[in-house]
Amino acid sequence: MTYRIALPAMLAIFGTPAIADITADEVWANQSALLDALGISLNANISRTDNFVFFENVSVSYAFPMSFGTFHMTAPPMTMVEETDGTVTIITPKTMDYDAVADFDGSFGMVMTLDMTV
């Protein structure tokens, strides 16, 4: 019985710091994989300076099933900072503007702008 909890306890004590290490590239890849699983395409111009990763021209696109239409949204730029403790901090502007365009098979469409202040 003691052996059943010994291995999980050792992994919890010694393995935790290794589990916490993540890079900005991994955060972006995880977010992309999640959206990709939903059929949503995530794009951005990515540049790196030291431990700062900059994301410009961020956009998401989605094609509705059965050629019903498309959705496209642009998002504000963001910066990910790879911290020395193995975490990633995401920095966004205080005011964020999202522009979205939905086109439903050319017969109906809409344009939206969402302004958010943090």
C-alpha atoms as a PDB file:
ATOM      1  CA  MET A   1       0.000   0.000   0.000  1.00  0.00           C
ATOM      2  CA  THR A   2       2.835   2.373   0.761  1.00  0.00           C
ATOM      3  CA  TYR A   3       4.364   1.717  -2.651  1.00  0.00           C
ATOM      4  CA  ARG A   4       1.179   2.820  -4.430  1.00  0.00           C
ATOM      5  CA  ILE A   5       1.519   6.374  -3.159  1.00  0.00           C
ATOM      6  CA  ALA A   6       5.320   6.548  -3.074  1.00  0.00           C
ATOM      7  CA  LEU A   7       5.830   7.050  -6.814  1.00  0.00           C
ATOM      8  CA  PRO A   8       3.087   9.709  -7.247  1.00  0.00           C
ATOM      9  CA  ALA A   9       4.357  11.511  -4.151  1.00  0.00           C
ATOM     10  CA  MET A  10       7.937  11.536  -5.490  1.00  0.00           C
ATOM     11  CA  LEU A  11       6.751  12.780  -8.889  1.00  0.00           C
ATOM     12  CA  ALA A  12       4.734  15.523  -7.226  1.00  0.00           C
ATOM     13  CA  ILE A  13       7.687  16.662  -5.135  1.00  0.00           C
ATOM     14  CA  PHE A  14      10.504  16.365  -7.669  1.00  0.00           C
ATOM     15  CA  GLY A  15       8.663  16.632 -10.979  1.00  0.00           C
ATOM     16  CA  THR A  16       6.694  19.832 -10.400  1.00  0.00           C
ATOM     17  CA  PRO A  17       9.346  22.372 -11.445  1.00  0.00           C
ATOM     18  CA  ALA A  18       9.976  20.547 -14.722  1.00  0.00           C
ATOM     19  CA  ILE A  19       6.271  20.453 -15.492  1.00  0.00           C
ATOM     20  CA  ALA A  20       5.938  24.220 -14.987  1.00  0.00           C
ATOM     21  CA  ASP A  21       8.567  25.182 -17.592  1.00  0.00           C
ATOM     22  CA  ILE A  22       6.935  26.473 -20.755  1.00  0.00           C
ATOM     23  CA  THR A  23       8.003  28.757 -23.568  1.00  0.00           C
ATOM     24  CA  ALA A  24       6.082  31.403 -25.490  1.00  0.00           C
ATOM     25  CA  ASP A  25       6.320  29.195 -28.576  1.00  0.00           C
ATOM     26  CA  GLU A  26       4.611  26.382 -26.669  1.00  0.00           C
ATOM     27  CA  VAL A  27       1.855  28.709 -25.424  1.00  0.00           C
ATOM     28  CA  TRP A  28       1.220  29.864 -29.012  1.00  0.00           C
ATOM     29  CA  ALA A  29       1.328  26.285 -30.324  1.00  0.00           C
ATOM     30  CA  ASN A  30      -1.146  25.132 -27.656  1.00  0.00           C
ATOM     31  CA  GLN A  31      -3.541  27.975 -28.444  1.00  0.00           C
ATOM     32  CA  SER A  32      -3.207  27.278 -32.174  1.00  0.00           C
ATOM     33  CA  ALA A  33      -3.866  23.556 -31.644  1.00  0.00           C
ATOM     34  CA  LEU A  34      -6.978  24.273 -29.595  1.00  0.00           C
ATOM     35  CA  LEU A  35      -8.420  26.591 -32.226  1.00  0.00           C
ATOM     36  CA  ASP A  36      -7.347  24.264 -35.031  1.00  0.00           C
ATOM     37  CA  ALA A  37      -9.302  21.435 -33.391  1.00  0.00           C
ATOM     38  CA  LEU A  38     -12.364  23.691 -33.663  1.00  0.00           C
ATOM     39  CA  GLY A  39     -11.647  24.426 -37.328  1.00  0.00           C
ATOM     40  CA  ILE A  40     -10.404  27.960 -36.619  1.00  0.00           C
ATOM     41  CA  SER A  41      -7.185  29.235 -38.193  1.00  0.00           C
ATOM     42  CA  LEU A  42      -4.921  31.427 -36.006  1.00  0.00           C
ATOM     43  CA  ASN A  43      -2.285  33.593 -37.714  1.00  0.00           C
ATOM     44  CA  ALA A  44       0.202  36.281 -36.702  1.00  0.00           C
ATOM     45  CA  ASN A  45       3.530  37.846 -37.603  1.00  0.00           C
ATOM     46  CA  ILE A  46       5.871  36.628 -34.872  1.00  0.00           C
ATOM     47  CA  SER A  47       9.234  38.133 -33.950  1.00  0.00           C
ATOM     48  CA  ARG A  48      11.563  37.515 -31.027  1.00  0.00           C
ATOM     49  CA  THR A  49      14.019  39.651 -29.077  1.00  0.00           C
ATOM     50  CA  ASP A  50      15.742  37.856 -26.194  1.00  0.00           C
ATOM     51  CA  ASN A  51      12.953  36.524 -23.932  1.00  0.00           C
ATOM     52  CA  PHE A  52      10.266  38.738 -25.538  1.00  0.00           C
ATOM     53  CA  VAL A  53       8.061  37.341 -28.302  1.00  0.00           C
ATOM     54  CA  PHE A  54       5.970  39.869 -30.251  1.00  0.00           C
ATOM     55  CA  PHE A  55       2.739  38.961 -32.058  1.00  0.00           C
ATOM     56  CA  GLU A  56       1.566  41.473 -34.671  1.00  0.00           C
ATOM     57  CA  ASN A  57      -1.319  41.292 -37.157  1.00  0.00           C
ATOM     58  CA  VAL A  58      -3.064  38.602 -35.097  1.00  0.00           C
ATOM     59  CA  SER A  59      -6.122  37.169 -36.836  1.00  0.00           C
ATOM     60  CA  VAL A  60      -8.510  34.248 -36.689  1.00  0.00           C
ATOM     61  CA  SER A  61     -10.494  32.833 -39.601  1.00  0.00           C
ATOM     62  CA  TYR A  62     -13.284  30.296 -39.762  1.00  0.00           C
ATOM     63  CA  ALA A  63     -15.195  28.773 -42.659  1.00  0.00           C
ATOM     64  CA  PHE A  64     -18.712  27.754 -41.695  1.00  0.00           C
ATOM     65  CA  PRO A  65     -19.782  24.216 -42.608  1.00  0.00           C
ATOM     66  CA  MET A  66     -21.533  23.482 -45.911  1.00  0.00           C
ATOM     67  CA  SER A  67     -20.020  26.610 -47.502  1.00  0.00           C
ATOM     68  CA  PHE A  68     -22.437  28.741 -45.481  1.00  0.00           C
ATOM     69  CA  GLY A  69     -19.920  31.570 -45.184  1.00  0.00           C
ATOM     70  CA  THR A  70     -16.785  32.811 -43.477  1.00  0.00           C
ATOM     71  CA  PHE A  71     -15.748  34.693 -40.366  1.00  0.00           C
ATOM     72  CA  HIS A  72     -12.542  36.706 -39.984  1.00  0.00           C
ATOM     73  CA  MET A  73     -11.390  38.695 -36.952  1.00  0.00           C
ATOM     74  CA  THR A  74      -8.285  40.760 -36.305  1.00  0.00           C
ATOM     75  CA  ALA A  75      -6.969  41.128 -32.783  1.00  0.00           C
ATOM     76  CA  PRO A  76      -4.612  43.622 -31.148  1.00  0.00           C
ATOM     77  CA  PRO A  77      -0.890  42.917 -30.897  1.00  0.00           C
ATOM     78  CA  MET A  78       0.426  41.160 -27.815  1.00  0.00           C
ATOM     79  CA  THR A  79       3.748  40.314 -26.256  1.00  0.00           C
ATOM     80  CA  MET A  80       4.732  37.152 -24.412  1.00  0.00           C
ATOM     81  CA  VAL A  81       7.595  37.329 -21.943  1.00  0.00           C
ATOM     82  CA  GLU A  82       9.425  34.138 -21.032  1.00  0.00           C
ATOM     83  CA  GLU A  83      10.130  34.556 -17.323  1.00  0.00           C
ATOM     84  CA  THR A  84      13.142  33.055 -15.534  1.00  0.00           C
ATOM     85  CA  ASP A  85      10.875  30.868 -13.364  1.00  0.00           C
ATOM     86  CA  GLY A  86       9.623  28.936 -16.413  1.00  0.00           C
ATOM     87  CA  THR A  87       6.335  30.800 -16.813  1.00  0.00           C
ATOM     88  CA  VAL A  88       5.116  33.031 -19.617  1.00  0.00           C
ATOM     89  CA  THR A  89       3.542  36.454 -19.052  1.00  0.00           C
ATOM     90  CA  ILE A  90       1.162  37.751 -21.718  1.00  0.00           C
ATOM     91  CA  ILE A  91       1.067  41.534 -22.146  1.00  0.00           C
ATOM     92  CA  THR A  92      -1.811  43.142 -24.030  1.00  0.00           C
ATOM     93  CA  PRO A  93      -2.569  46.815 -24.686  1.00  0.00           C
ATOM     94  CA  LYS A  94      -4.799  48.635 -22.187  1.00  0.00           C
ATOM     95  CA  THR A  95      -7.285  49.288 -24.977  1.00  0.00           C
ATOM     96  CA  MET A  96      -7.882  46.438 -27.404  1.00  0.00           C
ATOM     97  CA  ASP A  97      -9.694  46.785 -30.715  1.00  0.00           C
ATOM     98  CA  TYR A  98     -11.125  43.723 -32.432  1.00  0.00           C
ATOM     99  CA  ASP A  99     -12.516  43.973 -35.968  1.00  0.00           C
ATOM    100  CA  ALA A 100     -14.704  41.153 -37.227  1.00  0.00           C
ATOM    101  CA  VAL A 101     -16.264  40.472 -40.605  1.00  0.00           C
ATOM    102  CA  ALA A 102     -18.818  37.731 -41.244  1.00  0.00           C
ATOM    103  CA  ASP A 103     -19.940  36.910 -44.755  1.00  0.00           C
ATOM    104  CA  PHE A 104     -22.766  34.433 -45.163  1.00  0.00           C
ATOM    105  CA  ASP A 105     -22.512  33.066 -48.698  1.00  0.00           C
ATOM    106  CA  GLY A 106     -22.509  36.549 -50.213  1.00  0.00           C
ATOM    107  CA  SER A 107     -26.199  37.048 -49.438  1.00  0.00           C
ATOM    108  CA  PHE A 108     -25.770  38.525 -45.961  1.00  0.00           C
ATOM    109  CA  GLY A 109     -22.832  39.900 -44.057  1.00  0.00           C
ATOM    110  CA  MET A 110     -21.903  42.012 -41.090  1.00  0.00           C
ATOM    111  CA  VAL A 111     -18.986  44.060 -39.843  1.00  0.00           C
ATOM    112  CA  MET A 112     -18.342  44.516 -36.126  1.00  0.00           C
ATOM    113  CA  THR A 113     -15.821  46.454 -34.079  1.00  0.00           C
ATOM    114  CA  LEU A 114     -15.327  45.644 -30.423  1.00  0.00           C
ATOM    115  CA  ASP A 115     -13.342  48.015 -28.203  1.00  0.00           C
ATOM    116  CA  MET A 116     -12.213  46.668 -24.836  1.00  0.00           C
ATOM    117  CA  THR A 117     -10.412  48.542 -22.075  1.00  0.00           C
ATOM    118  CA  VAL A 118      -8.589  46.604 -19.409  1.00  0.00           C
END
